Amino acid sequence: MKEKSGTAAAAANTRNTGPGRLLIAVYAIFAISASARAAYQILTKFSEAPLAYLLSAFAALVYVVATVSLAKSGRTWFKVSLAAVLVELVGVLVVGALSIFDAVQFPHETVWSMFGRGYGFVPLVLPILGLAWLYRRRPRGAVPAAG
């Protein structure tokens, strides 16, 4: 089945307009910074905290997927966005908790350590905002309406 084209597609997809552009920009900043941080950590000191640095790389990948999928239109990209943001939320909650309760495995911080403390807790708030935005801008029939 083909996606809508032209102005119909623009009207149908409002995820990447208005406040959605700011959300995409924040995701892009996190994609770039998390990718750079993970690359540096893996290339220079991987043996010091392999689990933490691999999780940093995974977080970077999630941010890249979220950025791209939020910027694209269509049901498929909506579903990819939803999956990426849900994985991000679970990741920041799990890694945040593990970094507190199993500090031995996290001798160095990752993007999601301590629930994103090193990034002003934005990694904790961002997926919540992302899910709220996706819910408000969901395609018709993609998610049942409450009520």
C-alpha atoms as a PDB file:
ATOM      1  CA  MET A   1       0.000   0.000   0.000  1.00  0.00           C
ATOM      2  CA  LYS A   2       1.373   3.409  -0.965  1.00  0.00           C
ATOM      3  CA  GLU A   3       1.811   6.283   1.435  1.00  0.00           C
ATOM      4  CA  LYS A   4      -0.162   9.467   0.789  1.00  0.00           C
ATOM      5  CA  SER A   5       1.661  11.946  -1.371  1.00  0.00           C
ATOM      6  CA  GLY A   6       1.901  15.715  -1.674  1.00  0.00           C
ATOM      7  CA  THR A   7      -0.152  17.972   0.528  1.00  0.00           C
ATOM      8  CA  ALA A   8      -2.342  15.117   1.770  1.00  0.00           C
ATOM      9  CA  ALA A   9       0.692  13.496   3.379  1.00  0.00           C
ATOM     10  CA  ALA A  10       1.774  16.794   4.915  1.00  0.00           C
ATOM     11  CA  ALA A  11      -1.690  17.323   6.355  1.00  0.00           C
ATOM     12  CA  ALA A  12      -1.867  13.751   7.658  1.00  0.00           C
ATOM     13  CA  ASN A  13       1.561  13.864   9.342  1.00  0.00           C
ATOM     14  CA  THR A  14       1.962  16.587  11.895  1.00  0.00           C
ATOM     15  CA  ARG A  15       4.624  14.836  13.988  1.00  0.00           C
ATOM     16  CA  ASN A  16       7.416  16.815  12.356  1.00  0.00           C
ATOM     17  CA  THR A  17       5.834  20.275  12.537  1.00  0.00           C
ATOM     18  CA  GLY A  18       5.552  22.861  15.285  1.00  0.00           C
ATOM     19  CA  PRO A  19       6.740  21.499  18.642  1.00  0.00           C
ATOM     20  CA  GLY A  20       7.554  18.227  16.869  1.00  0.00           C
ATOM     21  CA  ARG A  21      10.480  19.965  15.190  1.00  0.00           C
ATOM     22  CA  LEU A  22      11.895  20.896  18.585  1.00  0.00           C
ATOM     23  CA  LEU A  23      11.456  17.302  19.769  1.00  0.00           C
ATOM     24  CA  ILE A  24      13.249  16.030  16.653  1.00  0.00           C
ATOM     25  CA  ALA A  25      16.036  18.581  17.184  1.00  0.00           C
ATOM     26  CA  VAL A  26      16.558  17.424  20.782  1.00  0.00           C
ATOM     27  CA  TYR A  27      16.633  13.802  19.621  1.00  0.00           C
ATOM     28  CA  ALA A  28      19.161  14.747  16.922  1.00  0.00           C
ATOM     29  CA  ILE A  29      21.390  16.458  19.494  1.00  0.00           C
ATOM     30  CA  PHE A  30      21.239  13.365  21.693  1.00  0.00           C
ATOM     31  CA  ALA A  31      21.906  11.104  18.708  1.00  0.00           C
ATOM     32  CA  ILE A  32      25.050  13.046  17.840  1.00  0.00           C
ATOM     33  CA  SER A  33      26.320  13.473  21.398  1.00  0.00           C
ATOM     34  CA  ALA A  34      25.596   9.888  22.462  1.00  0.00           C
ATOM     35  CA  SER A  35      27.222   8.543  19.278  1.00  0.00           C
ATOM     36  CA  ALA A  36      30.337  10.648  19.787  1.00  0.00           C
ATOM     37  CA  ARG A  37      30.567   9.726  23.460  1.00  0.00           C
ATOM     38  CA  ALA A  38      30.097   6.009  22.795  1.00  0.00           C
ATOM     39  CA  ALA A  39      32.633   6.005  19.972  1.00  0.00           C
ATOM     40  CA  TYR A  40      35.205   7.759  22.135  1.00  0.00           C
ATOM     41  CA  GLN A  41      34.579   5.460  25.103  1.00  0.00           C
ATOM     42  CA  ILE A  42      34.735   2.276  23.048  1.00  0.00           C
ATOM     43  CA  LEU A  43      37.837   3.341  21.127  1.00  0.00           C
ATOM     44  CA  THR A  44      39.842   4.647  24.078  1.00  0.00           C
ATOM     45  CA  LYS A  45      38.819   2.809  27.241  1.00  0.00           C
ATOM     46  CA  PHE A  46      36.516  -0.090  26.410  1.00  0.00           C
ATOM     47  CA  SER A  47      38.217  -2.481  28.852  1.00  0.00           C
ATOM     48  CA  GLU A  48      37.414  -0.202  31.810  1.00  0.00           C
ATOM     49  CA  ALA A  49      33.615  -0.560  31.524  1.00  0.00           C
ATOM     50  CA  PRO A  50      32.554  -2.670  28.537  1.00  0.00           C
ATOM     51  CA  LEU A  51      28.900  -3.037  29.583  1.00  0.00           C
ATOM     52  CA  ALA A  52      28.476   0.682  30.197  1.00  0.00           C
ATOM     53  CA  TYR A  53      30.085   1.625  26.900  1.00  0.00           C
ATOM     54  CA  LEU A  54      28.090  -0.897  24.877  1.00  0.00           C
ATOM     55  CA  LEU A  55      24.942   0.476  26.479  1.00  0.00           C
ATOM     56  CA  SER A  56      26.074   3.976  25.480  1.00  0.00           C
ATOM     57  CA  ALA A  57      26.365   2.766  21.884  1.00  0.00           C
ATOM     58  CA  PHE A  58      22.924   1.154  22.097  1.00  0.00           C
ATOM     59  CA  ALA A  59      21.454   4.397  23.457  1.00  0.00           C
ATOM     60  CA  ALA A  60      23.052   6.284  20.565  1.00  0.00           C
ATOM     61  CA  LEU A  61      21.470   3.884  18.077  1.00  0.00           C
ATOM     62  CA  VAL A  62      18.064   4.304  19.716  1.00  0.00           C
ATOM     63  CA  TYR A  63      18.391   8.104  19.496  1.00  0.00           C
ATOM     64  CA  VAL A  64      19.349   7.894  15.815  1.00  0.00           C
ATOM     65  CA  VAL A  65      16.361   5.658  15.008  1.00  0.00           C
ATOM     66  CA  ALA A  66      14.019   7.907  16.999  1.00  0.00           C
ATOM     67  CA  THR A  67      15.318  11.032  15.257  1.00  0.00           C
ATOM     68  CA  VAL A  68      14.915   9.629  11.757  1.00  0.00           C
ATOM     69  CA  SER A  69      11.549   8.010  12.385  1.00  0.00           C
ATOM     70  CA  LEU A  70      10.060  11.091  14.049  1.00  0.00           C
ATOM     71  CA  ALA A  71      11.077  13.172  11.040  1.00  0.00           C
ATOM     72  CA  LYS A  72       9.455  10.790   8.535  1.00  0.00           C
ATOM     73  CA  SER A  73       5.762  10.562   7.707  1.00  0.00           C
ATOM     74  CA  GLY A  74       3.499   7.562   7.456  1.00  0.00           C
ATOM     75  CA  ARG A  75       2.152   4.753   9.611  1.00  0.00           C
ATOM     76  CA  THR A  76       5.289   2.638   9.367  1.00  0.00           C
ATOM     77  CA  TRP A  77       7.493   5.477  10.594  1.00  0.00           C
ATOM     78  CA  PHE A  78       4.983   6.192  13.358  1.00  0.00           C
ATOM     79  CA  LYS A  79       5.317   2.584  14.538  1.00  0.00           C
ATOM     80  CA  VAL A  80       9.119   2.766  14.352  1.00  0.00           C
ATOM     81  CA  SER A  81       9.026   6.016  16.362  1.00  0.00           C
ATOM     82  CA  LEU A  82       6.765   4.469  18.955  1.00  0.00           C
ATOM     83  CA  ALA A  83       9.007   1.410  19.299  1.00  0.00           C
ATOM     84  CA  ALA A  84      12.187   3.518  19.525  1.00  0.00           C
ATOM     85  CA  VAL A  85      10.782   5.842  22.176  1.00  0.00           C
ATOM     86  CA  LEU A  86       9.416   2.907  24.207  1.00  0.00           C
ATOM     87  CA  VAL A  87      12.821   1.178  24.045  1.00  0.00           C
ATOM     88  CA  GLU A  88      14.404   4.443  25.130  1.00  0.00           C
ATOM     89  CA  LEU A  89      12.065   4.748  28.129  1.00  0.00           C
ATOM     90  CA  VAL A  90      12.658   1.149  29.213  1.00  0.00           C
ATOM     91  CA  GLY A  91      16.409   1.599  28.648  1.00  0.00           C
ATOM     92  CA  VAL A  92      16.722   4.728  30.747  1.00  0.00           C
ATOM     93  CA  LEU A  93      14.662   3.163  33.554  1.00  0.00           C
ATOM     94  CA  VAL A  94      16.559  -0.146  33.556  1.00  0.00           C
ATOM     95  CA  VAL A  95      20.035   1.325  33.087  1.00  0.00           C
ATOM     96  CA  GLY A  96      19.231   4.088  35.568  1.00  0.00           C
ATOM     97  CA  ALA A  97      18.226   1.545  38.209  1.00  0.00           C
ATOM     98  CA  LEU A  98      21.134  -0.799  37.460  1.00  0.00           C
ATOM     99  CA  SER A  99      23.639   2.045  37.670  1.00  0.00           C
ATOM    100  CA  ILE A 100      22.402   2.762  41.181  1.00  0.00           C
ATOM    101  CA  PHE A 101      22.086  -0.815  42.448  1.00  0.00           C
ATOM    102  CA  ASP A 102      25.030  -2.412  40.587  1.00  0.00           C
ATOM    103  CA  ALA A 103      27.619   0.347  40.469  1.00  0.00           C
ATOM    104  CA  VAL A 104      30.388  -2.219  39.830  1.00  0.00           C
ATOM    105  CA  GLN A 105      29.091  -2.740  36.283  1.00  0.00           C
ATOM    106  CA  PHE A 106      28.862   1.037  35.753  1.00  0.00           C
ATOM    107  CA  PRO A 107      32.148   2.508  36.938  1.00  0.00           C
ATOM    108  CA  HIS A 108      31.776   5.235  34.295  1.00  0.00           C
ATOM    109  CA  GLU A 109      28.590   7.027  33.328  1.00  0.00           C
ATOM    110  CA  THR A 110      26.528   6.418  30.219  1.00  0.00           C
ATOM    111  CA  VAL A 111      23.798   8.589  28.738  1.00  0.00           C
ATOM    112  CA  TRP A 112      21.194   6.663  30.734  1.00  0.00           C
ATOM    113  CA  SER A 113      23.193   6.181  33.988  1.00  0.00           C
ATOM    114  CA  MET A 114      21.485   7.525  37.086  1.00  0.00           C
ATOM    115  CA  PHE A 115      18.464   8.223  34.866  1.00  0.00           C
ATOM    116  CA  GLY A 116      20.430  10.678  32.734  1.00  0.00           C
ATOM    117  CA  ARG A 117      21.843  12.717  35.603  1.00  0.00           C
ATOM    118  CA  GLY A 118      24.871  13.733  33.527  1.00  0.00           C
ATOM    119  CA  TYR A 119      22.516  15.234  30.935  1.00  0.00           C
ATOM    120  CA  GLY A 120      20.250  17.084  33.367  1.00  0.00           C
ATOM    121  CA  PHE A 121      17.771  14.179  33.474  1.00  0.00           C
ATOM    122  CA  VAL A 122      16.684  15.016  29.917  1.00  0.00           C
ATOM    123  CA  PRO A 123      17.062  11.308  28.952  1.00  0.00           C
ATOM    124  CA  LEU A 124      14.386  10.499  31.552  1.00  0.00           C
ATOM    125  CA  VAL A 125      11.960  13.236  30.484  1.00  0.00           C
ATOM    126  CA  LEU A 126      12.519  12.999  26.709  1.00  0.00           C
ATOM    127  CA  PRO A 127      10.802   9.633  26.102  1.00  0.00           C
ATOM    128  CA  ILE A 128       7.814  10.729  28.186  1.00  0.00           C
ATOM    129  CA  LEU A 129       7.477  13.858  26.073  1.00  0.00           C
ATOM    130  CA  GLY A 130       8.052  11.757  22.943  1.00  0.00           C
ATOM    131  CA  LEU A 131       5.298   9.302  23.852  1.00  0.00           C
ATOM    132  CA  ALA A 132       2.889  12.132  24.660  1.00  0.00           C
ATOM    133  CA  TRP A 133       3.681  13.784  21.318  1.00  0.00           C
ATOM    134  CA  LEU A 134       3.253  10.531  19.423  1.00  0.00           C
ATOM    135  CA  TYR A 135      -0.060   9.856  21.131  1.00  0.00           C
ATOM    136  CA  ARG A 136      -1.355  13.310  20.216  1.00  0.00           C
ATOM    137  CA  ARG A 137      -0.138  12.980  16.622  1.00  0.00           C
ATOM    138  CA  ARG A 138      -0.980   9.327  16.028  1.00  0.00           C
ATOM    139  CA  PRO A 139      -2.374   8.314  12.632  1.00  0.00           C
ATOM    140  CA  ARG A 140      -6.054   7.497  12.592  1.00  0.00           C
ATOM    141  CA  GLY A 141      -6.657   3.962  13.760  1.00  0.00           C
ATOM    142  CA  ALA A 142      -3.039   3.457  14.912  1.00  0.00           C
ATOM    143  CA  VAL A 143      -3.793   3.636  18.633  1.00  0.00           C
ATOM    144  CA  PRO A 144      -7.305   3.274  20.080  1.00  0.00           C
ATOM    145  CA  ALA A 145      -8.625   6.506  21.546  1.00  0.00           C
ATOM    146  CA  ALA A 146      -9.269   6.587  25.258  1.00  0.00           C
ATOM    147  CA  GLY A 147     -12.799   6.803  26.435  1.00  0.00           C
END
